[in-house]
C-alpha atoms as a PDB file:
ATOM      1  CA  UNK A   1      26.871 -51.966  19.403  1.00  0.00           C
ATOM      2  CA  UNK A   2      27.009 -50.348  22.840  1.00  0.00           C
ATOM      3  CA  UNK A   3      29.930 -48.007  21.764  1.00  0.00           C
ATOM      4  CA  UNK A   4      27.855 -47.170  18.299  1.00  0.00           C
ATOM      5  CA  UNK A   5      24.785 -46.493  20.292  1.00  0.00           C
ATOM      6  CA  UNK A   6      26.705 -44.340  22.650  1.00  0.00           C
ATOM      7  CA  UNK A   7      28.213 -42.483  19.618  1.00  0.00           C
ATOM      8  CA  UNK A   8      24.918 -41.595  17.648  1.00  0.00           C
ATOM      9  CA  UNK A   9      23.097 -40.823  20.948  1.00  0.00           C
ATOM     10  CA  UNK A  10      25.772 -38.090  21.016  1.00  0.00           C
ATOM     11  CA  UNK A  11      25.717 -36.943  17.770  1.00  0.00           C
ATOM     12  CA  UNK A  12      22.025 -37.130  17.209  1.00  0.00           C
ATOM     13  CA  UNK A  13      20.477 -37.023  20.917  1.00  0.00           C
ATOM     14  CA  UNK A  14      18.710 -39.484  23.151  1.00  0.00           C
ATOM     15  CA  UNK A  15      15.267 -38.035  22.528  1.00  0.00           C
ATOM     16  CA  UNK A  16      12.429 -39.120  19.995  1.00  0.00           C
ATOM     17  CA  UNK A  17      12.858 -36.639  17.742  1.00  0.00           C
ATOM     18  CA  UNK A  18      16.571 -36.703  17.522  1.00  0.00           C
ATOM     19  CA  UNK A  19      16.485 -35.874  14.104  1.00  0.00           C
ATOM     20  CA  UNK A  20      14.387 -32.683  13.869  1.00  0.00           C
ATOM     21  CA  UNK A  21      16.741 -31.458  17.061  1.00  0.00           C
ATOM     22  CA  UNK A  22      19.345 -31.743  14.361  1.00  0.00           C
ATOM     23  CA  UNK A  23      18.045 -30.531  11.518  1.00  0.00           C
ATOM     24  CA  UNK A  24      17.008 -27.596  13.312  1.00  0.00           C
ATOM     25  CA  UNK A  25      20.811 -27.101  13.541  1.00  0.00           C
ATOM     26  CA  UNK A  26      21.203 -26.114  10.266  1.00  0.00           C
ATOM     27  CA  UNK A  27      17.669 -24.867   9.162  1.00  0.00           C
ATOM     28  CA  UNK A  28      15.176 -23.005  11.361  1.00  0.00           C
ATOM     29  CA  UNK A  29      11.985 -24.718  12.115  1.00  0.00           C
ATOM     30  CA  UNK A  30       9.395 -23.027   9.404  1.00  0.00           C
ATOM     31  CA  UNK A  31       6.295 -23.203  12.162  1.00  0.00           C
ATOM     32  CA  UNK A  32       8.789 -21.354  15.154  1.00  0.00           C
ATOM     33  CA  UNK A  33       9.856 -18.989  12.261  1.00  0.00           C
ATOM     34  CA  UNK A  34       6.127 -18.318  10.845  1.00  0.00           C
ATOM     35  CA  UNK A  35       4.848 -17.415  14.678  1.00  0.00           C
ATOM     36  CA  UNK A  36       8.164 -15.172  15.023  1.00  0.00           C
ATOM     37  CA  UNK A  37       7.299 -13.725  11.746  1.00  0.00           C
ATOM     38  CA  UNK A  38       3.807 -12.893  13.088  1.00  0.00           C
ATOM     39  CA  UNK A  39       4.710 -11.584  16.127  1.00  0.00           C
ATOM     40  CA  UNK A  40       6.899  -9.390  14.705  1.00  0.00           C
ATOM     41  CA  UNK A  41       4.633  -8.226  11.974  1.00  0.00           C
ATOM     42  CA  UNK A  42       1.792  -7.530  14.373  1.00  0.00           C
ATOM     43  CA  UNK A  43       3.949  -5.425  16.951  1.00  0.00           C
ATOM     44  CA  UNK A  44       5.475  -3.482  13.712  1.00  0.00           C
ATOM     45  CA  UNK A  45       1.919  -2.591  12.706  1.00  0.00           C
ATOM     46  CA  UNK A  46       0.754  -1.692  16.309  1.00  0.00           C
ATOM     47  CA  UNK A  47       3.478   0.426  16.538  1.00  0.00           C
ATOM     48  CA  UNK A  48       3.223   2.121  12.889  1.00  0.00           C
ATOM     49  CA  UNK A  49      -0.465   2.929  13.731  1.00  0.00           C
ATOM     50  CA  UNK A  50       0.552   4.687  17.009  1.00  0.00           C
ATOM     51  CA  UNK A  51       3.204   6.356  15.713  1.00  0.00           C
ATOM     52  CA  UNK A  52       1.248   7.767  13.027  1.00  0.00           C
ATOM     53  CA  UNK A  53      -2.003   8.435  14.822  1.00  0.00           C
ATOM     54  CA  UNK A  54      -3.591  11.775  13.522  1.00  0.00           C
ATOM     55  CA  UNK A  55      -4.580  14.356  15.571  1.00  0.00           C
ATOM     56  CA  UNK A  56      -6.830  17.408  15.169  1.00  0.00           C
ATOM     57  CA  UNK A  57      -4.697  19.607  12.633  1.00  0.00           C
ATOM     58  CA  UNK A  58      -5.105  23.144  13.243  1.00  0.00           C
ATOM     59  CA  UNK A  59      -5.454  26.206  10.754  1.00  0.00           C
ATOM     60  CA  UNK A  60      -1.654  27.077  10.524  1.00  0.00           C
ATOM     61  CA  UNK A  61      -0.935  23.153   9.691  1.00  0.00           C
ATOM     62  CA  UNK A  62      -4.021  23.263   6.806  1.00  0.00           C
ATOM     63  CA  UNK A  63      -2.591  26.465   5.412  1.00  0.00           C
ATOM     64  CA  UNK A  64       1.089  24.977   4.939  1.00  0.00           C
ATOM     65  CA  UNK A  65      -0.278  21.834   3.576  1.00  0.00           C
ATOM     66  CA  UNK A  66      -2.065  24.093   0.859  1.00  0.00           C
ATOM     67  CA  UNK A  67       1.276  26.337   0.417  1.00  0.00           C
ATOM     68  CA  UNK A  68       2.869  22.884   0.232  1.00  0.00           C
ATOM     69  CA  UNK A  69       0.156  21.736  -2.997  1.00  0.00           C
ATOM     70  CA  UNK A  70       1.355  24.914  -4.904  1.00  0.00           C
ATOM     71  CA  UNK A  71       4.655  24.163  -6.593  1.00  0.00           C
ATOM     72  CA  UNK A  72       4.315  20.982  -8.800  1.00  0.00           C
ATOM     73  CA  UNK A  73       0.921  22.836 -10.399  1.00  0.00           C
ATOM     74  CA  UNK A  74       2.803  25.706 -10.728  1.00  0.00           C
ATOM     75  CA  UNK A  75       5.937  24.174 -12.100  1.00  0.00           C
ATOM     76  CA  UNK A  76       3.501  22.139 -14.835  1.00  0.00           C
ATOM     77  CA  UNK A  77       1.172  25.050 -15.759  1.00  0.00           C
ATOM     78  CA  UNK A  78       4.361  27.570 -16.075  1.00  0.00           C
ATOM     79  CA  UNK A  79       6.220  24.847 -18.482  1.00  0.00           C
ATOM     80  CA  UNK A  80       3.102  24.512 -20.638  1.00  0.00           C
ATOM     81  CA  UNK A  81       3.009  28.449 -20.332  1.00  0.00           C
ATOM     82  CA  UNK A  82       6.448  28.585 -21.761  1.00  0.00           C
ATOM     83  CA  UNK A  83       5.731  25.982 -24.625  1.00  0.00           C
ATOM     84  CA  UNK A  84       2.180  28.443 -25.563  1.00  0.00           C
ATOM     85  CA  UNK A  85       4.444  31.516 -25.329  1.00  0.00           C
ATOM     86  CA  UNK A  86       7.084  30.122 -27.761  1.00  0.00           C
ATOM     87  CA  UNK A  87       4.445  29.084 -30.449  1.00  0.00           C
ATOM     88  CA  UNK A  88       2.303  32.596 -29.989  1.00  0.00           C
ATOM     89  CA  UNK A  89       5.346  34.853 -29.954  1.00  0.00           C
ATOM     90  CA  UNK A  90       8.561  33.629 -30.590  1.00  0.00           C
ATOM     91  CA  UNK A  91      10.363  36.920 -30.413  1.00  0.00           C
ATOM     92  CA  UNK A  92       9.122  37.421 -26.806  1.00  0.00           C
ATOM     93  CA  UNK A  93       9.624  34.124 -25.554  1.00  0.00           C
ATOM     94  CA  UNK A  94      13.362  34.115 -27.043  1.00  0.00           C
ATOM     95  CA  UNK A  95      14.373  37.838 -25.236  1.00  0.00           C
ATOM     96  CA  UNK A  96      13.696  35.837 -21.895  1.00  0.00           C
ATOM     97  CA  UNK A  97      14.919  32.918 -22.989  1.00  0.00           C
ATOM     98  CA  UNK A  98      18.431  34.505 -23.454  1.00  0.00           C
ATOM     99  CA  UNK A  99      18.055  36.121 -19.779  1.00  0.00           C
ATOM    100  CA  UNK A 100      17.451  32.671 -18.474  1.00  0.00           C
ATOM    101  CA  UNK A 101      20.739  31.794 -20.262  1.00  0.00           C
ATOM    102  CA  UNK A 102      22.875  34.809 -18.175  1.00  0.00           C
ATOM    103  CA  UNK A 103      21.663  32.732 -14.752  1.00  0.00           C
ATOM    104  CA  UNK A 104      24.921  31.121 -13.387  1.00  0.00           C
ATOM    105  CA  UNK A 105      26.006  27.735 -13.697  1.00  0.00           C
ATOM    106  CA  UNK A 106      25.984  27.392  -9.510  1.00  0.00           C
ATOM    107  CA  UNK A 107      22.503  29.048  -9.122  1.00  0.00           C
ATOM    108  CA  UNK A 108      21.127  26.216 -11.446  1.00  0.00           C
ATOM    109  CA  UNK A 109      22.739  23.785  -9.355  1.00  0.00           C
ATOM    110  CA  UNK A 110      21.127  25.407  -6.129  1.00  0.00           C
ATOM    111  CA  UNK A 111      17.770  25.372  -7.768  1.00  0.00           C
ATOM    112  CA  UNK A 112      17.914  21.955  -8.559  1.00  0.00           C
ATOM    113  CA  UNK A 113      18.890  21.233  -5.672  1.00  0.00           C
ATOM    114  CA  UNK A 114      16.200  22.784  -3.799  1.00  0.00           C
ATOM    115  CA  UNK A 115      13.630  21.068  -6.140  1.00  0.00           C
ATOM    116  CA  UNK A 116      14.895  18.076  -5.637  1.00  0.00           C
ATOM    117  CA  UNK A 117      14.805  18.000  -2.175  1.00  0.00           C
ATOM    118  CA  UNK A 118      10.950  19.562  -2.161  1.00  0.00           C
ATOM    119  CA  UNK A 119      10.266  16.609  -4.285  1.00  0.00           C
ATOM    120  CA  UNK A 120      11.814  13.720  -2.425  1.00  0.00           C
ATOM    121  CA  UNK A 121      10.251  15.307   0.492  1.00  0.00           C
ATOM    122  CA  UNK A 122       6.954  15.182  -0.908  1.00  0.00           C
ATOM    123  CA  UNK A 123       7.415  11.765  -2.399  1.00  0.00           C
ATOM    124  CA  UNK A 124       8.430  10.572   1.023  1.00  0.00           C
ATOM    125  CA  UNK A 125       5.364  11.706   2.805  1.00  0.00           C
ATOM    126  CA  UNK A 126       3.319  10.469   0.464  1.00  0.00           C
ATOM    127  CA  UNK A 127       4.877   7.333   0.523  1.00  0.00           C
ATOM    128  CA  UNK A 128       4.444   7.209   4.111  1.00  0.00           C
ATOM    129  CA  UNK A 129       1.175   8.155   3.993  1.00  0.00           C
ATOM    130  CA  UNK A 130       0.319   5.061   1.627  1.00  0.00           C
ATOM    131  CA  UNK A 131       1.844   2.559   3.740  1.00  0.00           C
ATOM    132  CA  UNK A 132      -0.180   3.975   6.529  1.00  0.00           C
ATOM    133  CA  UNK A 133      -3.263   3.135   4.655  1.00  0.00           C
ATOM    134  CA  UNK A 134      -1.846  -0.234   3.716  1.00  0.00           C
ATOM    135  CA  UNK A 135      -0.946  -0.875   7.513  1.00  0.00           C
ATOM    136  CA  UNK A 136      -4.752  -0.004   8.552  1.00  0.00           C
ATOM    137  CA  UNK A 137      -5.886  -2.645   5.820  1.00  0.00           C
ATOM    138  CA  UNK A 138      -3.932  -5.313   6.801  1.00  0.00           C
ATOM    139  CA  UNK A 139      -5.002  -4.567  10.130  1.00  0.00           C
ATOM    140  CA  UNK A 140      -8.591  -5.001   9.629  1.00  0.00           C
ATOM    141  CA  UNK A 141      -7.773  -8.177   7.428  1.00  0.00           C
ATOM    142  CA  UNK A 142      -9.176 -10.599  10.194  1.00  0.00           C
ATOM    143  CA  UNK A 143     -12.279  -8.317  10.851  1.00  0.00           C
ATOM    144  CA  UNK A 144     -13.196  -8.340   6.920  1.00  0.00           C
ATOM    145  CA  UNK A 145     -12.173 -12.089   7.009  1.00  0.00           C
ATOM    146  CA  UNK A 146     -14.789 -12.957   9.546  1.00  0.00           C
ATOM    147  CA  UNK A 147     -17.356 -10.522   7.728  1.00  0.00           C
ATOM    148  CA  UNK A 148     -17.345 -12.412   4.415  1.00  0.00           C
ATOM    149  CA  UNK A 149     -17.423 -15.980   6.654  1.00  0.00           C
ATOM    150  CA  UNK A 150     -20.720 -14.726   8.048  1.00  0.00           C
ATOM    151  CA  UNK A 151     -21.940 -13.354   4.863  1.00  0.00           C
ATOM    152  CA  UNK A 152     -21.381 -16.399   3.063  1.00  0.00           C
ATOM    153  CA  UNK A 153     -23.603 -18.062   5.424  1.00  0.00           C
ATOM    154  CA  UNK A 154     -26.207 -15.823   5.302  1.00  0.00           C
ATOM    155  CA  UNK A 155     -26.382 -16.008   1.994  1.00  0.00           C
ATOM    156  CA  UNK A 156     -26.304 -20.006   1.775  1.00  0.00           C
ATOM    157  CA  UNK A 157     -28.934 -19.916   4.105  1.00  0.00           C
ATOM    158  CA  UNK A 158     -31.626 -17.611   2.209  1.00  0.00           C
ATOM    159  CA  UNK A 159     -30.573 -18.571  -1.291  1.00  0.00           C
ATOM    160  CA  UNK A 160     -33.175 -19.155  -3.872  1.00  0.00           C
ATOM    161  CA  UNK A 161     -34.019 -22.438  -5.514  1.00  0.00           C
ATOM    162  CA  UNK A 162     -32.893 -23.733  -8.647  1.00  0.00           C
ATOM    163  CA  UNK A 163     -36.348 -22.751 -10.703  1.00  0.00           C
ATOM    164  CA  UNK A 164     -36.393 -19.133  -9.071  1.00  0.00           C
ATOM    165  CA  UNK A 165     -34.850 -16.390 -10.925  1.00  0.00           C
ATOM    166  CA  UNK A 166     -34.330 -13.280  -9.933  1.00  0.00           C
ATOM    167  CA  UNK A 167     -36.413  -9.690 -11.140  1.00  0.00           C
ATOM    168  CA  UNK A 168     -34.421  -7.547 -13.359  1.00  0.00           C
ATOM    169  CA  UNK A 169     -37.121  -4.906 -13.718  1.00  0.00           C
ATOM    170  CA  UNK A 170     -38.283  -6.227 -17.253  1.00  0.00           C
ATOM    171  CA  UNK A 171     -42.426  -5.896 -16.338  1.00  0.00           C
ATOM    172  CA  UNK A 172     -42.961  -7.919 -19.938  1.00  0.00           C
ATOM    173  CA  UNK A 173     -39.938 -10.360 -19.040  1.00  0.00           C
ATOM    174  CA  UNK A 174     -41.665 -11.085 -15.668  1.00  0.00           C
ATOM    175  CA  UNK A 175     -45.069 -11.750 -17.188  1.00  0.00           C
ATOM    176  CA  UNK A 176     -43.204 -14.336 -19.915  1.00  0.00           C
ATOM    177  CA  UNK A 177     -41.399 -15.870 -17.179  1.00  0.00           C
ATOM    178  CA  UNK A 178     -44.790 -16.515 -14.621  1.00  0.00           C
ATOM    179  CA  UNK A 179     -46.296 -17.793 -18.057  1.00  0.00           C
ATOM    180  CA  UNK A 180     -43.706 -19.984 -18.833  1.00  0.00           C
ATOM    181  CA  UNK A 181     -43.479 -21.357 -15.240  1.00  0.00           C
ATOM    182  CA  UNK A 182     -47.342 -21.784 -14.419  1.00  0.00           C
END
């Protein structure tokens, strides 16, 4: 038995948690992994909040932001305007479309690239703004949970008894309730 015990001790170790230590070679400890994940998420949220902190913006930034908001509405209303023009004056519309048909194909590719990059950049900016809001919300989760617990305690302390009925602003109904209770 001495040799078998030594072989098992070499394989599984001689501590009390030999099976746990052996299994952790093949599968990570879930509790330790959760702690590492929580630390990583907290560090990422802190970095994210610091990176995207908004400073007071000047007039130039506000003007550029206003100009950046124009292309999408102009494209949408322009397209609707083309449909209206085609229905109201088909000859005028056909003349304009003949001019558009003369635009060379490389210019169409260039316009498509410019519009794609513009909308791609706007999409990325909006996505990052959304993620920033999510990060701020997640950062306040523990505070909100504490507030909910505190409010639950207050609600339990001042909850009316089963015989009390909440007033609903209807004087006749309140009188009827009082007559039935008395």
